[in-house]
Amino acid sequence: MKTLSRTLLLCAGLAAAGAVQAQTSQYSRDLYGDWRVTNVAPPAKTADQVSAELAKAKANGQYTFGDEDYPPPVMSNQSETRAQVEQELQQAQIQGQMASDEEDYPPPAMAHSGTSDIH
């Protein structure tokens, strides 16, 4: 078991070292002999590339403006009919899952919650 754990630890260390070396960093020594690390910036994008990315984000619904849209809505591929949503709402109301007023707060504990009936 020790051999296996040592082998896995060694492999993880080598993988991490490989990932660090994959970055484009430049190492040099300063006047005092200390190491300086300089990370090379990625290549600059053109205005056309940025405009294309912005248009794509707007089309996907990933771009929002201001605090009103935060967090951005998650786009869903599935759609339910209005009748299905109304049926689910009615079912939730019948089961007591929908609080309608402050008088209903806090909602009663569910049977499976493991809490006592003492409030």
N, C-alpha and C. Protein backbone atom coordinates (compact mmCIF):
# COMPACT_ATOMS: atom_id res chain seq x y z
N MET A 1 0.82 -1.19 0.00
CA MET A 1 0.00 0.00 0.00
C MET A 1 0.87 1.26 0.00
N LYS A 2 1.99 1.21 0.74
CA LYS A 2 2.87 2.37 0.76
C LYS A 2 3.47 2.61 -0.62
N THR A 3 3.79 1.55 -1.31
CA THR A 3 4.38 1.69 -2.64
C THR A 3 3.39 2.34 -3.60
N LEU A 4 2.14 1.92 -3.51
CA LEU A 4 1.13 2.49 -4.38
C LEU A 4 0.93 3.98 -4.09
N SER A 5 0.83 4.34 -2.82
CA SER A 5 0.62 5.75 -2.48
C SER A 5 1.83 6.59 -2.86
N ARG A 6 3.02 6.04 -2.69
CA ARG A 6 4.22 6.79 -3.09
C ARG A 6 4.26 6.97 -4.60
N THR A 7 3.87 5.95 -5.33
CA THR A 7 3.86 6.03 -6.79
C THR A 7 2.85 7.07 -7.26
N LEU A 8 1.66 7.05 -6.66
CA LEU A 8 0.64 8.03 -7.04
C LEU A 8 1.08 9.46 -6.71
N LEU A 9 1.72 9.63 -5.57
CA LEU A 9 2.20 10.94 -5.17
C LEU A 9 3.29 11.42 -6.13
N LEU A 10 4.17 10.54 -6.53
CA LEU A 10 5.22 10.89 -7.48
C LEU A 10 4.63 11.27 -8.83
N CYS A 11 3.63 10.51 -9.28
CA CYS A 11 2.99 10.83 -10.56
C CYS A 11 2.29 12.17 -10.50
N ALA A 12 1.61 12.46 -9.38
CA ALA A 12 0.94 13.75 -9.24
C ALA A 12 1.95 14.88 -9.25
N GLY A 13 3.07 14.69 -8.59
CA GLY A 13 4.12 15.72 -8.57
C GLY A 13 4.69 15.96 -9.95
N LEU A 14 4.93 14.89 -10.69
CA LEU A 14 5.45 15.05 -12.05
C LEU A 14 4.44 15.74 -12.96
N ALA A 15 3.17 15.41 -12.80
CA ALA A 15 2.14 16.05 -13.62
C ALA A 15 2.06 17.53 -13.29
N ALA A 16 2.14 17.88 -12.01
CA ALA A 16 2.10 19.29 -11.62
C ALA A 16 3.32 20.03 -12.15
N ALA A 17 4.47 19.40 -12.09
CA ALA A 17 5.68 20.04 -12.60
C ALA A 17 5.57 20.26 -14.11
N GLY A 18 4.99 19.31 -14.80
CA GLY A 18 4.79 19.47 -16.24
C GLY A 18 3.84 20.61 -16.56
N ALA A 19 2.80 20.74 -15.75
CA ALA A 19 1.84 21.82 -15.97
C ALA A 19 2.47 23.18 -15.73
N VAL A 20 3.32 23.26 -14.73
CA VAL A 20 3.99 24.53 -14.44
C VAL A 20 4.94 24.89 -15.58
N GLN A 21 5.65 23.92 -16.10
CA GLN A 21 6.60 24.19 -17.17
C GLN A 21 5.90 24.52 -18.49
N ALA A 22 4.63 24.12 -18.62
CA ALA A 22 3.90 24.40 -19.86
C ALA A 22 3.56 25.88 -19.98
N GLN A 23 3.56 26.61 -18.88
CA GLN A 23 3.29 28.04 -18.93
C GLN A 23 4.49 28.76 -19.56
N THR A 24 4.18 29.84 -20.24
CA THR A 24 5.26 30.60 -20.86
C THR A 24 5.78 31.63 -19.87
N SER A 25 6.71 31.23 -19.05
CA SER A 25 7.31 32.10 -18.05
C SER A 25 8.80 32.24 -18.33
N GLN A 26 9.33 33.40 -18.01
CA GLN A 26 10.76 33.64 -18.17
C GLN A 26 11.37 33.88 -16.80
N TYR A 27 12.47 33.21 -16.51
CA TYR A 27 13.15 33.32 -15.23
C TYR A 27 14.46 34.06 -15.42
N SER A 28 14.75 34.98 -14.52
CA SER A 28 16.03 35.70 -14.56
C SER A 28 16.39 36.10 -13.14
N ARG A 29 17.65 36.47 -12.95
CA ARG A 29 18.11 36.91 -11.63
C ARG A 29 18.24 38.42 -11.64
N ASP A 30 17.88 39.03 -10.50
CA ASP A 30 18.02 40.48 -10.40
C ASP A 30 19.40 40.82 -9.84
N LEU A 31 19.64 42.08 -9.49
CA LEU A 31 20.94 42.53 -9.02
C LEU A 31 21.37 41.85 -7.72
N TYR A 32 20.42 41.43 -6.91
CA TYR A 32 20.73 40.81 -5.62
C TYR A 32 20.82 39.30 -5.68
N GLY A 33 20.63 38.73 -6.85
CA GLY A 33 20.72 37.29 -7.01
C GLY A 33 19.40 36.57 -6.80
N ASP A 34 18.33 37.31 -6.55
CA ASP A 34 17.02 36.69 -6.38
C ASP A 34 16.41 36.39 -7.75
N TRP A 35 15.58 35.36 -7.77
CA TRP A 35 14.93 34.98 -9.01
C TRP A 35 13.75 35.89 -9.30
N ARG A 36 13.62 36.31 -10.54
CA ARG A 36 12.49 37.08 -11.01
C ARG A 36 11.75 36.23 -12.05
N VAL A 37 10.45 36.17 -11.93
CA VAL A 37 9.64 35.41 -12.87
C VAL A 37 8.79 36.40 -13.66
N THR A 38 8.86 36.31 -14.96
CA THR A 38 8.07 37.16 -15.83
C THR A 38 7.16 36.27 -16.67
N ASN A 39 5.86 36.47 -16.51
CA ASN A 39 4.90 35.71 -17.31
C ASN A 39 4.61 36.46 -18.59
N VAL A 40 4.71 35.77 -19.69
CA VAL A 40 4.49 36.38 -20.99
C VAL A 40 2.99 36.48 -21.22
N ALA A 41 2.53 37.65 -21.63
CA ALA A 41 1.10 37.87 -21.88
C ALA A 41 0.67 37.12 -23.14
N PRO A 42 -0.58 36.67 -23.17
CA PRO A 42 -1.07 36.02 -24.39
C PRO A 42 -1.14 37.03 -25.52
N PRO A 43 -1.18 36.56 -26.74
CA PRO A 43 -1.21 37.50 -27.88
C PRO A 43 -2.49 38.34 -27.84
N ALA A 44 -2.37 39.57 -28.27
CA ALA A 44 -3.50 40.50 -28.25
C ALA A 44 -4.53 40.10 -29.31
N LYS A 45 -5.80 40.37 -29.00
CA LYS A 45 -6.88 40.09 -29.94
C LYS A 45 -7.18 41.34 -30.74
N THR A 46 -7.65 41.12 -31.94
CA THR A 46 -8.02 42.26 -32.77
C THR A 46 -9.42 42.72 -32.38
N ALA A 47 -9.78 43.90 -32.84
CA ALA A 47 -11.11 44.44 -32.55
C ALA A 47 -12.20 43.57 -33.16
N ASP A 48 -11.92 42.99 -34.32
CA ASP A 48 -12.91 42.11 -34.96
C ASP A 48 -13.14 40.84 -34.13
N GLN A 49 -12.07 40.28 -33.55
CA GLN A 49 -12.20 39.09 -32.72
C GLN A 49 -13.02 39.40 -31.46
N VAL A 50 -12.76 40.54 -30.85
CA VAL A 50 -13.49 40.92 -29.65
C VAL A 50 -14.96 41.16 -29.98
N SER A 51 -15.23 41.82 -31.11
CA SER A 51 -16.61 42.07 -31.53
C SER A 51 -17.34 40.76 -31.80
N ALA A 52 -16.66 39.80 -32.41
CA ALA A 52 -17.28 38.51 -32.68
C ALA A 52 -17.60 37.76 -31.39
N GLU A 53 -16.68 37.81 -30.42
CA GLU A 53 -16.93 37.15 -29.13
C GLU A 53 -18.09 37.81 -28.39
N LEU A 54 -18.18 39.14 -28.47
CA LEU A 54 -19.28 39.86 -27.82
C LEU A 54 -20.62 39.51 -28.46
N ALA A 55 -20.65 39.46 -29.79
CA ALA A 55 -21.89 39.11 -30.48
C ALA A 55 -22.32 37.69 -30.14
N LYS A 56 -21.36 36.79 -30.04
CA LYS A 56 -21.67 35.39 -29.69
C LYS A 56 -22.22 35.31 -28.25
N ALA A 57 -21.61 36.07 -27.33
CA ALA A 57 -22.08 36.06 -25.93
C ALA A 57 -23.48 36.65 -25.83
N LYS A 58 -23.76 37.70 -26.59
CA LYS A 58 -25.11 38.27 -26.58
C LYS A 58 -26.12 37.30 -27.15
N ALA A 59 -25.75 36.58 -28.22
CA ALA A 59 -26.66 35.61 -28.83
C ALA A 59 -26.95 34.45 -27.89
N ASN A 60 -25.96 34.05 -27.09
CA ASN A 60 -26.13 32.93 -26.16
C ASN A 60 -26.79 33.34 -24.85
N GLY A 61 -26.98 34.65 -24.65
CA GLY A 61 -27.57 35.12 -23.41
C GLY A 61 -26.58 35.19 -22.27
N GLN A 62 -25.28 35.20 -22.57
CA GLN A 62 -24.25 35.23 -21.54
C GLN A 62 -23.81 36.65 -21.20
N TYR A 63 -24.23 37.62 -21.98
CA TYR A 63 -23.82 39.00 -21.78
C TYR A 63 -24.96 39.76 -21.12
N THR A 64 -24.66 40.41 -20.03
CA THR A 64 -25.67 41.22 -19.35
C THR A 64 -25.07 42.60 -19.10
N PHE A 65 -25.94 43.55 -18.83
CA PHE A 65 -25.49 44.91 -18.58
C PHE A 65 -26.18 45.43 -17.34
N GLY A 66 -25.41 45.85 -16.36
CA GLY A 66 -25.98 46.42 -15.14
C GLY A 66 -26.30 45.36 -14.10
N ASP A 67 -26.81 45.83 -12.98
CA ASP A 67 -27.13 44.93 -11.87
C ASP A 67 -28.48 44.25 -12.03
N GLU A 68 -29.32 44.77 -12.90
CA GLU A 68 -30.67 44.23 -13.04
C GLU A 68 -30.64 42.79 -13.55
N ASP A 69 -29.68 42.47 -14.38
CA ASP A 69 -29.61 41.15 -15.00
C ASP A 69 -28.68 40.19 -14.27
N TYR A 70 -28.23 40.53 -13.07
CA TYR A 70 -27.26 39.67 -12.40
C TYR A 70 -27.97 38.73 -11.46
N PRO A 71 -27.68 37.49 -11.38
CA PRO A 71 -26.84 36.73 -12.31
C PRO A 71 -27.58 36.50 -13.62
N PRO A 72 -26.84 36.28 -14.69
CA PRO A 72 -27.50 36.10 -15.98
C PRO A 72 -28.38 34.85 -15.96
N PRO A 73 -29.50 34.89 -16.65
CA PRO A 73 -30.38 33.72 -16.65
C PRO A 73 -29.73 32.54 -17.37
N VAL A 74 -30.04 31.36 -16.90
CA VAL A 74 -29.52 30.15 -17.53
C VAL A 74 -30.49 29.76 -18.64
N MET A 75 -29.96 29.64 -19.82
CA MET A 75 -30.81 29.30 -20.95
C MET A 75 -31.14 27.82 -20.89
N SER A 76 -32.39 27.50 -21.11
CA SER A 76 -32.86 26.12 -21.04
C SER A 76 -33.39 25.70 -22.39
N ASN A 77 -33.09 24.47 -22.77
CA ASN A 77 -33.58 23.95 -24.04
C ASN A 77 -34.97 23.35 -23.91
N GLN A 78 -35.32 22.91 -22.72
CA GLN A 78 -36.63 22.30 -22.54
C GLN A 78 -37.66 23.38 -22.25
N SER A 79 -38.83 23.21 -22.80
CA SER A 79 -39.88 24.18 -22.55
C SER A 79 -41.12 23.44 -22.09
N GLU A 80 -41.77 24.03 -21.12
CA GLU A 80 -43.00 23.47 -20.61
C GLU A 80 -44.15 24.38 -21.03
N THR A 81 -45.27 23.79 -21.21
CA THR A 81 -46.43 24.60 -21.58
C THR A 81 -46.94 25.32 -20.34
N ARG A 82 -47.75 26.33 -20.57
CA ARG A 82 -48.33 27.08 -19.47
C ARG A 82 -49.20 26.18 -18.61
N ALA A 83 -49.92 25.27 -19.25
CA ALA A 83 -50.78 24.34 -18.50
C ALA A 83 -49.97 23.45 -17.57
N GLN A 84 -48.78 22.99 -18.04
CA GLN A 84 -47.93 22.15 -17.19
C GLN A 84 -47.42 22.93 -15.98
N VAL A 85 -47.03 24.17 -16.19
CA VAL A 85 -46.52 24.99 -15.09
C VAL A 85 -47.63 25.26 -14.09
N GLU A 86 -48.84 25.58 -14.59
CA GLU A 86 -49.96 25.83 -13.69
C GLU A 86 -50.32 24.58 -12.89
N GLN A 87 -50.24 23.42 -13.54
CA GLN A 87 -50.52 22.16 -12.84
C GLN A 87 -49.49 21.91 -11.74
N GLU A 88 -48.21 22.16 -12.02
CA GLU A 88 -47.17 21.99 -11.00
C GLU A 88 -47.38 22.95 -9.84
N LEU A 89 -47.77 24.19 -10.15
CA LEU A 89 -48.04 25.18 -9.11
C LEU A 89 -49.21 24.74 -8.23
N GLN A 90 -50.27 24.27 -8.86
CA GLN A 90 -51.43 23.81 -8.12
C GLN A 90 -51.07 22.63 -7.22
N GLN A 91 -50.28 21.72 -7.74
CA GLN A 91 -49.86 20.55 -6.97
C GLN A 91 -49.00 20.98 -5.78
N ALA A 92 -48.11 21.94 -5.97
CA ALA A 92 -47.27 22.42 -4.88
C ALA A 92 -48.10 23.12 -3.82
N GLN A 93 -49.12 23.86 -4.24
CA GLN A 93 -49.99 24.53 -3.28
C GLN A 93 -50.78 23.51 -2.46
N ILE A 94 -51.25 22.46 -3.10
CA ILE A 94 -52.01 21.42 -2.41
C ILE A 94 -51.13 20.72 -1.39
N GLN A 95 -49.87 20.49 -1.73
CA GLN A 95 -48.94 19.80 -0.83
C GLN A 95 -48.37 20.73 0.24
N GLY A 96 -48.71 22.02 0.18
CA GLY A 96 -48.24 22.95 1.19
C GLY A 96 -46.81 23.40 0.98
N GLN A 97 -46.32 23.33 -0.22
CA GLN A 97 -44.94 23.72 -0.50
C GLN A 97 -44.81 25.20 -0.87
N MET A 98 -45.92 25.89 -1.07
CA MET A 98 -45.88 27.28 -1.47
C MET A 98 -46.36 28.16 -0.32
N ALA A 99 -45.47 28.98 0.22
CA ALA A 99 -45.86 29.92 1.26
C ALA A 99 -46.51 31.12 0.58
N SER A 100 -47.62 31.59 1.13
CA SER A 100 -48.33 32.69 0.48
C SER A 100 -48.23 33.99 1.24
N ASP A 101 -47.74 33.95 2.49
CA ASP A 101 -47.74 35.15 3.30
C ASP A 101 -46.68 35.00 4.39
N GLU A 102 -46.45 36.05 5.13
CA GLU A 102 -45.51 35.97 6.23
C GLU A 102 -46.03 35.08 7.35
N GLU A 103 -47.36 34.89 7.37
CA GLU A 103 -47.93 34.02 8.39
C GLU A 103 -47.49 32.57 8.20
N ASP A 104 -47.11 32.23 6.98
CA ASP A 104 -46.67 30.87 6.69
C ASP A 104 -45.18 30.68 6.95
N TYR A 105 -44.51 31.71 7.48
CA TYR A 105 -43.06 31.61 7.68
C TYR A 105 -42.75 31.32 9.13
N PRO A 106 -41.87 30.45 9.48
CA PRO A 106 -41.16 29.54 8.61
C PRO A 106 -42.07 28.39 8.19
N PRO A 107 -41.79 27.80 7.05
CA PRO A 107 -42.64 26.70 6.60
C PRO A 107 -42.51 25.52 7.55
N PRO A 108 -43.55 24.70 7.66
CA PRO A 108 -43.47 23.55 8.56
C PRO A 108 -42.40 22.58 8.10
N ALA A 109 -41.79 21.89 9.06
CA ALA A 109 -40.73 20.94 8.75
C ALA A 109 -41.31 19.77 7.99
N MET A 110 -40.56 19.30 7.02
CA MET A 110 -41.00 18.15 6.23
C MET A 110 -40.87 16.88 7.07
N ALA A 111 -41.63 15.86 6.72
CA ALA A 111 -41.63 14.62 7.48
C ALA A 111 -40.27 13.94 7.47
N HIS A 112 -39.53 14.07 6.38
CA HIS A 112 -38.24 13.39 6.27
C HIS A 112 -37.07 14.23 6.77
N SER A 113 -37.33 15.43 7.29
CA SER A 113 -36.23 16.32 7.65
C SER A 113 -35.50 15.89 8.91
N GLY A 114 -36.12 15.06 9.74
CA GLY A 114 -35.46 14.60 10.94
C GLY A 114 -35.54 15.59 12.07
N THR A 115 -36.31 16.66 11.93
CA THR A 115 -36.44 17.63 13.01
C THR A 115 -37.68 17.31 13.82
N SER A 116 -37.74 17.81 15.03
CA SER A 116 -38.89 17.56 15.88
C SER A 116 -40.01 18.53 15.56
N ASP A 117 -41.18 18.33 16.13
CA ASP A 117 -42.33 19.19 15.91
C ASP A 117 -42.29 20.43 16.79
N ILE A 118 -41.28 20.56 17.63
CA ILE A 118 -41.17 21.71 18.52
C ILE A 118 -40.68 22.90 17.71
N HIS A 119 -41.40 24.02 17.75
CA HIS A 119 -41.01 25.21 16.97
C HIS A 119 -40.53 26.27 17.89
